[in-house]
Amino acid sequence: MKISIAMAAYKGERFLREQLDSIARQTLLPYELVITDDSPDSGTADIAFEFARGVPFPVRVVRNEQRLGFHENFFKAISLCEGDFVAFCDQDDIWVDNKLERVAEEFVDPDVMLVVHGVKVVDGDLNVRDDNTASHWSYRGIYDPLTTNPWYVLFGMSTVVRHSIYDYIDWRDRPEHPIDPGFAMSHDTWAWFVATSLGKISAIDDPLVLYRQHGANSCGVAPDRDVSEKVEMTKAAGATHYRRMATAAFGRADKMLQVSRTAPLPVRKRAAAAVDYYRALGERLRRRADLYCAATSTVSRAGTVARLLVSGAYRPLNHGGLGRRALLKDVHATVFRVSIE
């Protein structure tokens, strides 16, 4: 099984060699390792070149002439991979020795487009932290297309994808990120969007990476929030937020329209289903945004909630709905004329 590793590096001297050594210990060696170095003025590439001389698989190190930034650098690394599968790799973690072998088992099913696994959170010295990673980990098992939360934020370094998803849907000119308006989707969010639309995903419990948190991570473990904090965050979202979410959903629908004509028929059919799915989701979010406008009357709000409810808009997030909590919030906003711009 040909698994490429895509690593986006930036001034990685502190931890890079430990990560590379853990790749060399894999019970299933990678087909290749591609490193795109976004810090040509550092010693990162020197460490990578030295490592490459002692391993039995190809290591390609590409030094960017101009800095691309974390997300674009990752997409560049992915675009240079030639294997049938691509494993996303950060520069500062440690892989468990059987990571690639364990993940490869899940790709025996040709419909599985993405595999994601558990992680163990550690500090800079690899001491296990008290973080309850279960709170950042929502899926276990096999999921059919469009049966997961479309807005789910996964750990990119715990992800391996089938390379063909980048052939089916062009990743350039990516839709707006739903959480960061004005920014294109990141490499891991993109992989989740396309993979969950065009095929199955497999989520396994095994903690196959020591996820190092050292204070200088580009991305890291989100802080645990108690119920009151989550309630306050939900209450703060209003018309502007839901319009942005609607824009993101419509953008995803438009992207699925661009599925390659050379993609297998089942993939093209799933893309067509994803177009309908995201258009419906975008329309629900657009209607929901109108609820929270000060100019919207109580009668109009009640009618909107009723129509959304009858249409199934408040079904669980995993099935393209807004969720039960959204229903409770919208009813409250209607009864008490809550307006949130």
C-alpha atoms as a PDB file:
ATOM      1  CA  MET A   1       0.000   0.000   0.000  1.00  0.00           C
ATOM      2  CA  LYS A   2       1.506   3.304  -1.137  1.00  0.00           C
ATOM      3  CA  ILE A   3       1.078   5.880   1.629  1.00  0.00           C
ATOM      4  CA  SER A   4       2.729   9.246   1.120  1.00  0.00           C
ATOM      5  CA  ILE A   5       3.418  11.491   4.085  1.00  0.00           C
ATOM      6  CA  ALA A   6       2.846  15.227   3.642  1.00  0.00           C
ATOM      7  CA  MET A   7       4.678  17.401   6.148  1.00  0.00           C
ATOM      8  CA  ALA A   8       4.483  21.203   6.207  1.00  0.00           C
ATOM      9  CA  ALA A   9       7.553  22.425   8.079  1.00  0.00           C
ATOM     10  CA  TYR A  10       8.430  25.804   9.542  1.00  0.00           C
ATOM     11  CA  LYS A  11      11.438  26.377  11.789  1.00  0.00           C
ATOM     12  CA  GLY A  12      11.133  22.834  13.083  1.00  0.00           C
ATOM     13  CA  GLU A  13      14.616  22.332  14.500  1.00  0.00           C
ATOM     14  CA  ARG A  14      13.442  21.768  18.071  1.00  0.00           C
ATOM     15  CA  PHE A  15      11.320  18.633  17.530  1.00  0.00           C
ATOM     16  CA  LEU A  16      11.654  17.636  13.872  1.00  0.00           C
ATOM     17  CA  ARG A  17      14.232  14.885  14.261  1.00  0.00           C
ATOM     18  CA  GLU A  18      12.119  13.037  16.848  1.00  0.00           C
ATOM     19  CA  GLN A  19       9.145  13.074  14.507  1.00  0.00           C
ATOM     20  CA  LEU A  20      11.247  11.871  11.584  1.00  0.00           C
ATOM     21  CA  ASP A  21      12.718   9.058  13.643  1.00  0.00           C
ATOM     22  CA  SER A  22       9.209   7.886  14.587  1.00  0.00           C
ATOM     23  CA  ILE A  23       8.357   7.737  10.867  1.00  0.00           C
ATOM     24  CA  ALA A  24      11.453   5.608  10.254  1.00  0.00           C
ATOM     25  CA  ARG A  25      10.255   3.147  12.926  1.00  0.00           C
ATOM     26  CA  GLN A  26       6.927   2.474  11.209  1.00  0.00           C
ATOM     27  CA  THR A  27       6.063  -1.202  10.836  1.00  0.00           C
ATOM     28  CA  LEU A  28       4.656  -0.256   7.427  1.00  0.00           C
ATOM     29  CA  LEU A  29       7.132   2.140   5.867  1.00  0.00           C
ATOM     30  CA  PRO A  30       5.785   5.049   3.819  1.00  0.00           C
ATOM     31  CA  TYR A  31       5.956   5.137   0.044  1.00  0.00           C
ATOM     32  CA  GLU A  32       7.589   8.562   0.384  1.00  0.00           C
ATOM     33  CA  LEU A  33       7.923  11.545   2.683  1.00  0.00           C
ATOM     34  CA  VAL A  34       7.359  15.010   1.210  1.00  0.00           C
ATOM     35  CA  ILE A  35       8.501  17.991   3.296  1.00  0.00           C
ATOM     36  CA  THR A  36       7.758  21.538   2.190  1.00  0.00           C
ATOM     37  CA  ASP A  37       9.960  23.891   4.174  1.00  0.00           C
ATOM     38  CA  ASP A  38       8.429  27.330   4.695  1.00  0.00           C
ATOM     39  CA  SER A  39      11.514  28.615   6.549  1.00  0.00           C
ATOM     40  CA  PRO A  40      14.473  28.479   4.145  1.00  0.00           C
ATOM     41  CA  ASP A  41      16.539  30.612   6.509  1.00  0.00           C
ATOM     42  CA  SER A  42      16.423  27.982   9.276  1.00  0.00           C
ATOM     43  CA  GLY A  43      18.156  24.648   9.764  1.00  0.00           C
ATOM     44  CA  THR A  44      14.984  22.627   9.179  1.00  0.00           C
ATOM     45  CA  ALA A  45      15.997  21.411   5.725  1.00  0.00           C
ATOM     46  CA  ASP A  46      19.463  20.371   6.945  1.00  0.00           C
ATOM     47  CA  ILE A  47      17.849  18.030   9.499  1.00  0.00           C
ATOM     48  CA  ALA A  48      15.581  16.593   6.811  1.00  0.00           C
ATOM     49  CA  PHE A  49      18.444  16.034   4.344  1.00  0.00           C
ATOM     50  CA  GLU A  50      20.530  14.284   6.986  1.00  0.00           C
ATOM     51  CA  PHE A  51      17.562  12.048   7.868  1.00  0.00           C
ATOM     52  CA  ALA A  52      16.947  11.228   4.189  1.00  0.00           C
ATOM     53  CA  ARG A  53      20.420   9.733   3.806  1.00  0.00           C
ATOM     54  CA  GLY A  54      19.704   7.005   6.343  1.00  0.00           C
ATOM     55  CA  VAL A  55      16.234   5.687   5.455  1.00  0.00           C
ATOM     56  CA  PRO A  56      15.104   3.195   2.785  1.00  0.00           C
ATOM     57  CA  PHE A  57      12.248   5.313   1.403  1.00  0.00           C
ATOM     58  CA  PRO A  58      12.362   8.515  -0.672  1.00  0.00           C
ATOM     59  CA  VAL A  59      12.401  11.827   1.165  1.00  0.00           C
ATOM     60  CA  ARG A  60      11.759  14.933  -0.923  1.00  0.00           C
ATOM     61  CA  VAL A  61      12.500  18.295   0.651  1.00  0.00           C
ATOM     62  CA  VAL A  62      11.157  21.368  -1.122  1.00  0.00           C
ATOM     63  CA  ARG A  63      12.215  24.776   0.145  1.00  0.00           C
ATOM     64  CA  ASN A  64       9.692  27.521  -0.596  1.00  0.00           C
ATOM     65  CA  GLU A  65      11.170  30.651  -2.143  1.00  0.00           C
ATOM     66  CA  GLN A  66       8.480  32.769  -0.456  1.00  0.00           C
ATOM     67  CA  ARG A  67       6.639  31.950   2.721  1.00  0.00           C
ATOM     68  CA  LEU A  68       3.210  30.434   2.016  1.00  0.00           C
ATOM     69  CA  GLY A  69       1.804  30.199   5.525  1.00  0.00           C
ATOM     70  CA  PHE A  70       0.739  27.061   7.368  1.00  0.00           C
ATOM     71  CA  HIS A  71      -2.352  26.071   5.366  1.00  0.00           C
ATOM     72  CA  GLU A  72      -1.048  26.791   1.868  1.00  0.00           C
ATOM     73  CA  ASN A  73       2.233  25.108   2.707  1.00  0.00           C
ATOM     74  CA  PHE A  74       0.321  21.977   3.687  1.00  0.00           C
ATOM     75  CA  PHE A  75      -1.639  21.986   0.441  1.00  0.00           C
ATOM     76  CA  LYS A  76       1.626  22.306  -1.460  1.00  0.00           C
ATOM     77  CA  ALA A  77       3.043  19.261   0.320  1.00  0.00           C
ATOM     78  CA  ILE A  78      -0.122  17.282  -0.421  1.00  0.00           C
ATOM     79  CA  SER A  79      -0.073  18.299  -4.086  1.00  0.00           C
ATOM     80  CA  LEU A  80       3.453  16.901  -4.462  1.00  0.00           C
ATOM     81  CA  CYS A  81       2.575  13.485  -3.026  1.00  0.00           C
ATOM     82  CA  GLU A  82       2.446  10.592  -5.484  1.00  0.00           C
ATOM     83  CA  GLY A  83       1.132   7.754  -3.324  1.00  0.00           C
ATOM     84  CA  ASP A  84      -2.404   6.360  -3.337  1.00  0.00           C
ATOM     85  CA  PHE A  85      -2.975   7.696   0.182  1.00  0.00           C
ATOM     86  CA  VAL A  86      -1.739  10.807   1.993  1.00  0.00           C
ATOM     87  CA  ALA A  87      -0.999  11.006   5.721  1.00  0.00           C
ATOM     88  CA  PHE A  88      -0.930  14.530   7.151  1.00  0.00           C
ATOM     89  CA  CYS A  89       2.072  15.013   9.407  1.00  0.00           C
ATOM     90  CA  ASP A  90       3.069  17.824  11.759  1.00  0.00           C
ATOM     91  CA  GLN A  91       6.734  18.452  12.505  1.00  0.00           C
ATOM     92  CA  ASP A  92       6.565  18.218  16.286  1.00  0.00           C
ATOM     93  CA  ASP A  93       4.628  15.042  17.159  1.00  0.00           C
ATOM     94  CA  ILE A  94       5.613  11.407  17.665  1.00  0.00           C
ATOM     95  CA  TRP A  95       3.955   8.596  15.711  1.00  0.00           C
ATOM     96  CA  VAL A  96       3.236   5.245  17.347  1.00  0.00           C
ATOM     97  CA  ASP A  97       5.199   2.558  15.494  1.00  0.00           C
ATOM     98  CA  ASN A  98       2.152   0.876  13.915  1.00  0.00           C
ATOM     99  CA  LYS A  99       0.265   4.029  12.890  1.00  0.00           C
ATOM    100  CA  LEU A 100       0.490   3.516   9.128  1.00  0.00           C
ATOM    101  CA  GLU A 101      -0.069  -0.239   9.350  1.00  0.00           C
ATOM    102  CA  ARG A 102      -3.181   0.208  11.501  1.00  0.00           C
ATOM    103  CA  VAL A 103      -4.641   2.917   9.285  1.00  0.00           C
ATOM    104  CA  ALA A 104      -3.958   0.891   6.129  1.00  0.00           C
ATOM    105  CA  GLU A 105      -6.312  -1.818   7.395  1.00  0.00           C
ATOM    106  CA  GLU A 106      -9.245   0.594   7.154  1.00  0.00           C
ATOM    107  CA  PHE A 107      -8.609   1.398   3.500  1.00  0.00           C
ATOM    108  CA  VAL A 108      -9.276  -2.185   2.409  1.00  0.00           C
ATOM    109  CA  ASP A 109     -12.822  -0.939   1.790  1.00  0.00           C
ATOM    110  CA  PRO A 110     -12.509   1.059  -1.483  1.00  0.00           C
ATOM    111  CA  ASP A 111     -15.333   3.389  -0.417  1.00  0.00           C
ATOM    112  CA  VAL A 112     -13.414   4.644   2.624  1.00  0.00           C
ATOM    113  CA  MET A 113     -12.014   8.053   1.693  1.00  0.00           C
ATOM    114  CA  LEU A 114     -10.619   9.145   5.058  1.00  0.00           C
ATOM    115  CA  VAL A 115      -9.380   7.500   8.237  1.00  0.00           C
ATOM    116  CA  VAL A 116      -9.000   9.431  11.465  1.00  0.00           C
ATOM    117  CA  HIS A 117      -7.636   8.061  14.724  1.00  0.00           C
ATOM    118  CA  GLY A 118      -7.290   8.954  18.380  1.00  0.00           C
ATOM    119  CA  VAL A 119      -4.367  10.859  19.877  1.00  0.00           C
ATOM    120  CA  LYS A 120      -2.610  11.120  23.212  1.00  0.00           C
ATOM    121  CA  VAL A 121      -1.921  14.710  24.247  1.00  0.00           C
ATOM    122  CA  VAL A 122       1.549  15.299  25.704  1.00  0.00           C
ATOM    123  CA  ASP A 123       3.624  18.315  26.668  1.00  0.00           C
ATOM    124  CA  GLY A 124       6.901  19.405  25.116  1.00  0.00           C
ATOM    125  CA  ASP A 125       8.805  16.723  27.046  1.00  0.00           C
ATOM    126  CA  LEU A 126       6.307  13.989  26.087  1.00  0.00           C
ATOM    127  CA  ASN A 127       4.676  13.849  29.517  1.00  0.00           C
ATOM    128  CA  VAL A 128       1.038  12.834  29.182  1.00  0.00           C
ATOM    129  CA  ARG A 129      -1.258  15.754  29.927  1.00  0.00           C
ATOM    130  CA  ASP A 130      -4.536  15.627  31.808  1.00  0.00           C
ATOM    131  CA  ASP A 131      -6.549  16.702  28.741  1.00  0.00           C
ATOM    132  CA  ASN A 132      -9.535  14.472  28.175  1.00  0.00           C
ATOM    133  CA  THR A 133      -9.136  13.879  24.461  1.00  0.00           C
ATOM    134  CA  ALA A 134     -12.565  12.233  24.371  1.00  0.00           C
ATOM    135  CA  SER A 135     -14.013  15.731  24.551  1.00  0.00           C
ATOM    136  CA  HIS A 136     -12.270  16.524  21.251  1.00  0.00           C
ATOM    137  CA  TRP A 137     -13.172  13.229  19.649  1.00  0.00           C
ATOM    138  CA  SER A 138     -16.720  12.588  18.474  1.00  0.00           C
ATOM    139  CA  TYR A 139     -16.604   9.678  16.048  1.00  0.00           C
ATOM    140  CA  ARG A 140     -15.974   5.960  16.276  1.00  0.00           C
ATOM    141  CA  GLY A 141     -16.703   3.398  13.583  1.00  0.00           C
ATOM    142  CA  ILE A 142     -17.664   3.601   9.911  1.00  0.00           C
ATOM    143  CA  TYR A 143     -19.835   6.443   8.606  1.00  0.00           C
ATOM    144  CA  ASP A 144     -21.622   6.614   5.271  1.00  0.00           C
ATOM    145  CA  PRO A 145     -21.474   9.783   3.144  1.00  0.00           C
ATOM    146  CA  LEU A 146     -23.174  12.840   4.622  1.00  0.00           C
ATOM    147  CA  THR A 147     -23.846  11.237   8.018  1.00  0.00           C
ATOM    148  CA  THR A 148     -21.379  13.285  10.077  1.00  0.00           C
ATOM    149  CA  ASN A 149     -21.316  16.870  11.332  1.00  0.00           C
ATOM    150  CA  PRO A 150     -20.253  18.918   8.270  1.00  0.00           C
ATOM    151  CA  TRP A 151     -18.646  21.543  10.504  1.00  0.00           C
ATOM    152  CA  TYR A 152     -16.620  19.098  12.575  1.00  0.00           C
ATOM    153  CA  VAL A 153     -13.027  20.240  13.226  1.00  0.00           C
ATOM    154  CA  LEU A 154     -10.682  17.267  13.340  1.00  0.00           C
ATOM    155  CA  PHE A 155      -7.008  16.980  14.227  1.00  0.00           C
ATOM    156  CA  GLY A 156      -5.222  17.110  10.866  1.00  0.00           C
ATOM    157  CA  MET A 157      -2.242  15.115  12.118  1.00  0.00           C
ATOM    158  CA  SER A 158      -4.580  12.236  12.977  1.00  0.00           C
ATOM    159  CA  THR A 159      -5.834  11.992   9.399  1.00  0.00           C
ATOM    160  CA  VAL A 160      -5.007   9.892   6.334  1.00  0.00           C
ATOM    161  CA  VAL A 161      -6.938  10.404   3.098  1.00  0.00           C
ATOM    162  CA  ARG A 162      -7.334   8.646  -0.209  1.00  0.00           C
ATOM    163  CA  HIS A 163      -5.323  10.686  -2.695  1.00  0.00           C
ATOM    164  CA  SER A 164      -8.028  10.458  -5.353  1.00  0.00           C
ATOM    165  CA  ILE A 165     -10.227  12.989  -3.516  1.00  0.00           C
ATOM    166  CA  TYR A 166      -7.901  15.690  -4.843  1.00  0.00           C
ATOM    167  CA  ASP A 167      -8.461  14.399  -8.381  1.00  0.00           C
ATOM    168  CA  TYR A 168     -12.245  14.277  -7.994  1.00  0.00           C
ATOM    169  CA  ILE A 169     -12.578  17.841  -6.642  1.00  0.00           C
ATOM    170  CA  ASP A 170     -10.009  20.552  -7.361  1.00  0.00           C
ATOM    171  CA  TRP A 171      -8.799  21.934  -4.029  1.00  0.00           C
ATOM    172  CA  ARG A 172      -7.769  25.278  -5.490  1.00  0.00           C
ATOM    173  CA  ASP A 173     -10.276  28.116  -5.081  1.00  0.00           C
ATOM    174  CA  ARG A 174     -11.639  26.528  -1.917  1.00  0.00           C
ATOM    175  CA  PRO A 175     -14.898  27.692  -0.289  1.00  0.00           C
ATOM    176  CA  GLU A 176     -14.894  30.045   2.656  1.00  0.00           C
ATOM    177  CA  HIS A 177     -14.130  28.498   6.016  1.00  0.00           C
ATOM    178  CA  PRO A 178     -17.330  28.519   8.121  1.00  0.00           C
ATOM    179  CA  ILE A 179     -15.513  29.463  11.314  1.00  0.00           C
ATOM    180  CA  ASP A 180     -13.059  31.973   9.826  1.00  0.00           C
ATOM    181  CA  PRO A 181     -14.989  34.088   7.300  1.00  0.00           C
ATOM    182  CA  GLY A 182     -12.864  35.417   4.489  1.00  0.00           C
ATOM    183  CA  PHE A 183     -10.354  32.554   4.739  1.00  0.00           C
ATOM    184  CA  ALA A 184     -10.247  29.522   2.483  1.00  0.00           C
ATOM    185  CA  MET A 185     -10.739  26.130   4.088  1.00  0.00           C
ATOM    186  CA  SER A 186      -7.670  24.558   5.688  1.00  0.00           C
ATOM    187  CA  HIS A 187      -6.214  21.284   4.419  1.00  0.00           C
ATOM    188  CA  ASP A 188      -7.857  19.181   7.125  1.00  0.00           C
ATOM    189  CA  THR A 189     -11.245  20.893   6.931  1.00  0.00           C
ATOM    190  CA  TRP A 190     -11.135  20.457   3.157  1.00  0.00           C
ATOM    191  CA  ALA A 191     -10.333  16.753   3.499  1.00  0.00           C
ATOM    192  CA  TRP A 192     -13.233  16.266   5.924  1.00  0.00           C
ATOM    193  CA  PHE A 193     -15.656  18.121   3.626  1.00  0.00           C
ATOM    194  CA  VAL A 194     -14.734  16.210   0.463  1.00  0.00           C
ATOM    195  CA  ALA A 195     -14.229  12.792   2.043  1.00  0.00           C
ATOM    196  CA  THR A 196     -17.495  12.853   4.000  1.00  0.00           C
ATOM    197  CA  SER A 197     -19.313  13.927   0.838  1.00  0.00           C
ATOM    198  CA  LEU A 198     -17.836  11.435  -1.617  1.00  0.00           C
ATOM    199  CA  GLY A 199     -17.421   8.311   0.490  1.00  0.00           C
ATOM    200  CA  LYS A 200     -17.190   6.693   3.871  1.00  0.00           C
ATOM    201  CA  ILE A 201     -14.920   7.654   6.736  1.00  0.00           C
ATOM    202  CA  SER A 202     -13.459   5.342   9.342  1.00  0.00           C
ATOM    203  CA  ALA A 203     -12.804   6.645  12.856  1.00  0.00           C
ATOM    204  CA  ILE A 204     -10.699   4.436  15.110  1.00  0.00           C
ATOM    205  CA  ASP A 205     -10.035   4.771  18.837  1.00  0.00           C
ATOM    206  CA  ASP A 206      -6.376   3.806  18.778  1.00  0.00           C
ATOM    207  CA  PRO A 207      -4.192   6.752  19.970  1.00  0.00           C
ATOM    208  CA  LEU A 208      -1.630   6.516  17.180  1.00  0.00           C
ATOM    209  CA  VAL A 209       0.092   9.877  17.704  1.00  0.00           C
ATOM    210  CA  LEU A 210       1.625  11.623  20.695  1.00  0.00           C
ATOM    211  CA  TYR A 211       0.168  15.079  20.035  1.00  0.00           C
ATOM    212  CA  ARG A 212       2.752  17.460  21.435  1.00  0.00           C
ATOM    213  CA  GLN A 213       1.557  20.759  22.914  1.00  0.00           C
ATOM    214  CA  HIS A 214       4.488  23.068  23.590  1.00  0.00           C
ATOM    215  CA  GLY A 215       3.116  26.604  23.423  1.00  0.00           C
ATOM    216  CA  ALA A 216       4.240  27.362  19.870  1.00  0.00           C
ATOM    217  CA  ASN A 217       1.889  25.084  17.938  1.00  0.00           C
ATOM    218  CA  SER A 218       0.326  26.458  14.744  1.00  0.00           C
ATOM    219  CA  CYS A 219      -2.846  24.705  15.877  1.00  0.00           C
ATOM    220  CA  GLY A 220      -3.522  22.916  19.116  1.00  0.00           C
ATOM    221  CA  VAL A 221      -5.980  21.281  21.452  1.00  0.00           C
ATOM    222  CA  ALA A 222      -8.981  23.491  22.069  1.00  0.00           C
ATOM    223  CA  PRO A 223      -9.647  24.198  25.737  1.00  0.00           C
ATOM    224  CA  ASP A 224     -12.344  22.150  27.446  1.00  0.00           C
ATOM    225  CA  ARG A 225     -15.452  24.249  28.007  1.00  0.00           C
ATOM    226  CA  ASP A 226     -18.055  23.610  30.659  1.00  0.00           C
ATOM    227  CA  VAL A 227     -21.771  23.650  29.931  1.00  0.00           C
ATOM    228  CA  SER A 228     -22.198  27.316  30.891  1.00  0.00           C
ATOM    229  CA  GLU A 229     -19.450  28.414  28.504  1.00  0.00           C
ATOM    230  CA  LYS A 230     -20.985  26.418  25.656  1.00  0.00           C
ATOM    231  CA  VAL A 231     -24.392  27.945  26.375  1.00  0.00           C
ATOM    232  CA  GLU A 232     -22.912  31.462  26.279  1.00  0.00           C
ATOM    233  CA  MET A 233     -21.204  30.756  22.954  1.00  0.00           C
ATOM    234  CA  THR A 234     -24.464  29.455  21.502  1.00  0.00           C
ATOM    235  CA  LYS A 235     -26.399  32.480  22.774  1.00  0.00           C
ATOM    236  CA  ALA A 236     -23.878  34.884  21.205  1.00  0.00           C
ATOM    237  CA  ALA A 237     -24.357  33.537  17.663  1.00  0.00           C
ATOM    238  CA  GLY A 238     -26.831  35.565  15.657  1.00  0.00           C
ATOM    239  CA  ALA A 239     -27.820  36.772  12.197  1.00  0.00           C
ATOM    240  CA  THR A 240     -24.285  37.558  10.982  1.00  0.00           C
ATOM    241  CA  HIS A 241     -22.916  34.210  12.140  1.00  0.00           C
ATOM    242  CA  TYR A 242     -25.697  32.193  10.497  1.00  0.00           C
ATOM    243  CA  ARG A 243     -25.384  34.139   7.239  1.00  0.00           C
ATOM    244  CA  ARG A 244     -21.689  33.303   7.168  1.00  0.00           C
ATOM    245  CA  MET A 245     -22.485  29.663   7.771  1.00  0.00           C
ATOM    246  CA  ALA A 246     -25.041  29.777   4.960  1.00  0.00           C
ATOM    247  CA  THR A 247     -22.455  31.298   2.624  1.00  0.00           C
ATOM    248  CA  ALA A 248     -20.047  28.497   3.487  1.00  0.00           C
ATOM    249  CA  ALA A 249     -22.710  25.842   2.856  1.00  0.00           C
ATOM    250  CA  PHE A 250     -23.665  27.306  -0.542  1.00  0.00           C
ATOM    251  CA  GLY A 251     -19.967  27.499  -1.419  1.00  0.00           C
ATOM    252  CA  ARG A 252     -19.580  23.805  -0.662  1.00  0.00           C
ATOM    253  CA  ALA A 253     -22.570  22.977  -2.851  1.00  0.00           C
ATOM    254  CA  ASP A 254     -21.034  24.944  -5.714  1.00  0.00           C
ATOM    255  CA  LYS A 255     -17.726  23.108  -5.252  1.00  0.00           C
ATOM    256  CA  MET A 256     -19.429  19.716  -5.441  1.00  0.00           C
ATOM    257  CA  LEU A 257     -20.904  20.749  -8.787  1.00  0.00           C
ATOM    258  CA  GLN A 258     -17.338  20.766 -10.097  1.00  0.00           C
ATOM    259  CA  VAL A 259     -16.739  17.043  -9.557  1.00  0.00           C
ATOM    260  CA  SER A 260     -14.520  15.629 -12.283  1.00  0.00           C
ATOM    261  CA  ARG A 261     -16.297  13.980 -15.205  1.00  0.00           C
ATOM    262  CA  THR A 262     -13.692  11.241 -15.057  1.00  0.00           C
ATOM    263  CA  ALA A 263     -14.615  10.337 -11.468  1.00  0.00           C
ATOM    264  CA  PRO A 264     -16.326   6.952 -11.051  1.00  0.00           C
ATOM    265  CA  LEU A 265     -20.112   7.037 -11.421  1.00  0.00           C
ATOM    266  CA  PRO A 266     -20.785   6.278  -7.721  1.00  0.00           C
ATOM    267  CA  VAL A 267     -18.578   9.238  -6.746  1.00  0.00           C
ATOM    268  CA  ARG A 268     -20.399  11.561  -9.158  1.00  0.00           C
ATOM    269  CA  LYS A 269     -23.739  10.431  -7.740  1.00  0.00           C
ATOM    270  CA  ARG A 270     -22.536  11.160  -4.204  1.00  0.00           C
ATOM    271  CA  ALA A 271     -21.330  14.584  -5.321  1.00  0.00           C
ATOM    272  CA  ALA A 272     -24.809  15.309  -6.722  1.00  0.00           C
ATOM    273  CA  ALA A 273     -26.329  14.259  -3.398  1.00  0.00           C
ATOM    274  CA  ALA A 274     -23.861  16.537  -1.593  1.00  0.00           C
ATOM    275  CA  VAL A 275     -24.967  19.474  -3.770  1.00  0.00           C
ATOM    276  CA  ASP A 276     -28.568  18.988  -2.622  1.00  0.00           C
ATOM    277  CA  TYR A 277     -27.450  18.436   0.975  1.00  0.00           C
ATOM    278  CA  TYR A 278     -25.408  21.641   1.224  1.00  0.00           C
ATOM    279  CA  ARG A 279     -27.948  23.746  -0.640  1.00  0.00           C
ATOM    280  CA  ALA A 280     -30.642  22.632   1.783  1.00  0.00           C
ATOM    281  CA  LEU A 281     -28.347  23.321   4.737  1.00  0.00           C
ATOM    282  CA  GLY A 282     -27.499  26.763   3.375  1.00  0.00           C
ATOM    283  CA  GLU A 283     -31.179  27.613   2.958  1.00  0.00           C
ATOM    284  CA  ARG A 284     -31.948  26.539   6.522  1.00  0.00           C
ATOM    285  CA  LEU A 285     -29.126  28.681   7.848  1.00  0.00           C
ATOM    286  CA  ARG A 286     -30.240  31.660   5.752  1.00  0.00           C
ATOM    287  CA  ARG A 287     -33.761  31.387   7.143  1.00  0.00           C
ATOM    288  CA  ARG A 288     -32.398  31.018  10.637  1.00  0.00           C
ATOM    289  CA  ALA A 289     -30.367  34.211  10.224  1.00  0.00           C
ATOM    290  CA  ASP A 290     -33.573  36.125   9.473  1.00  0.00           C
ATOM    291  CA  LEU A 291     -35.002  35.023  12.829  1.00  0.00           C
ATOM    292  CA  TYR A 292     -32.468  37.102  14.717  1.00  0.00           C
ATOM    293  CA  CYS A 293     -32.949  40.376  12.837  1.00  0.00           C
ATOM    294  CA  ALA A 294     -34.565  43.100  14.932  1.00  0.00           C
ATOM    295  CA  ALA A 295     -36.918  44.000  12.074  1.00  0.00           C
ATOM    296  CA  THR A 296     -38.420  40.506  11.922  1.00  0.00           C
ATOM    297  CA  SER A 297     -41.830  40.376  13.634  1.00  0.00           C
ATOM    298  CA  THR A 298     -42.872  37.745  16.146  1.00  0.00           C
ATOM    299  CA  VAL A 299     -45.456  36.363  13.721  1.00  0.00           C
ATOM    300  CA  SER A 300     -42.873  36.069  10.955  1.00  0.00           C
ATOM    301  CA  ARG A 301     -40.422  34.392  13.315  1.00  0.00           C
ATOM    302  CA  ALA A 302     -43.041  31.884  14.447  1.00  0.00           C
ATOM    303  CA  GLY A 303     -43.847  31.064  10.845  1.00  0.00           C
ATOM    304  CA  THR A 304     -40.190  30.544  10.012  1.00  0.00           C
ATOM    305  CA  VAL A 305     -39.642  28.230  12.985  1.00  0.00           C
ATOM    306  CA  ALA A 306     -42.762  26.264  12.072  1.00  0.00           C
ATOM    307  CA  ARG A 307     -41.638  25.833   8.459  1.00  0.00           C
ATOM    308  CA  LEU A 308     -38.149  24.812   9.530  1.00  0.00           C
ATOM    309  CA  LEU A 309     -39.570  22.308  11.981  1.00  0.00           C
ATOM    310  CA  VAL A 310     -41.959  20.731   9.451  1.00  0.00           C
ATOM    311  CA  SER A 311     -39.172  20.498   6.856  1.00  0.00           C
ATOM    312  CA  GLY A 312     -36.988  18.511   9.251  1.00  0.00           C
ATOM    313  CA  ALA A 313     -34.472  21.332   9.638  1.00  0.00           C
ATOM    314  CA  TYR A 314     -33.955  20.581  13.334  1.00  0.00           C
ATOM    315  CA  ARG A 315     -32.834  17.013  12.807  1.00  0.00           C
ATOM    316  CA  PRO A 316     -29.383  16.116  14.250  1.00  0.00           C
ATOM    317  CA  LEU A 317     -26.249  17.789  12.859  1.00  0.00           C
ATOM    318  CA  ASN A 318     -25.019  14.402  11.648  1.00  0.00           C
ATOM    319  CA  HIS A 319     -27.909  14.330   9.189  1.00  0.00           C
ATOM    320  CA  GLY A 320     -27.714  17.828   7.785  1.00  0.00           C
ATOM    321  CA  GLY A 321     -29.954  19.469  10.376  1.00  0.00           C
ATOM    322  CA  LEU A 322     -29.481  22.316  12.800  1.00  0.00           C
ATOM    323  CA  GLY A 323     -29.912  20.166  15.907  1.00  0.00           C
ATOM    324  CA  ARG A 324     -32.330  20.123  18.838  1.00  0.00           C
ATOM    325  CA  ARG A 325     -30.493  22.903  20.665  1.00  0.00           C
ATOM    326  CA  ALA A 326     -31.070  25.151  17.672  1.00  0.00           C
ATOM    327  CA  LEU A 327     -34.817  24.516  17.962  1.00  0.00           C
ATOM    328  CA  LEU A 328     -34.824  25.474  21.635  1.00  0.00           C
ATOM    329  CA  LYS A 329     -32.834  28.629  20.959  1.00  0.00           C
ATOM    330  CA  ASP A 330     -35.020  29.656  18.002  1.00  0.00           C
ATOM    331  CA  VAL A 331     -38.239  29.123  19.962  1.00  0.00           C
ATOM    332  CA  HIS A 332     -36.825  31.196  22.822  1.00  0.00           C
ATOM    333  CA  ALA A 333     -35.784  33.954  20.405  1.00  0.00           C
ATOM    334  CA  THR A 334     -39.283  33.969  18.909  1.00  0.00           C
ATOM    335  CA  VAL A 335     -41.182  34.071  22.198  1.00  0.00           C
ATOM    336  CA  PHE A 336     -38.977  36.710  23.817  1.00  0.00           C
ATOM    337  CA  ARG A 337     -38.131  38.632  20.605  1.00  0.00           C
ATOM    338  CA  VAL A 338     -34.387  38.155  21.010  1.00  0.00           C
ATOM    339  CA  SER A 339     -32.384  39.942  18.319  1.00  0.00           C
ATOM    340  CA  ILE A 340     -28.685  39.211  17.737  1.00  0.00           C
ATOM    341  CA  GLU A 341     -26.895  40.763  14.809  1.00  0.00           C
END
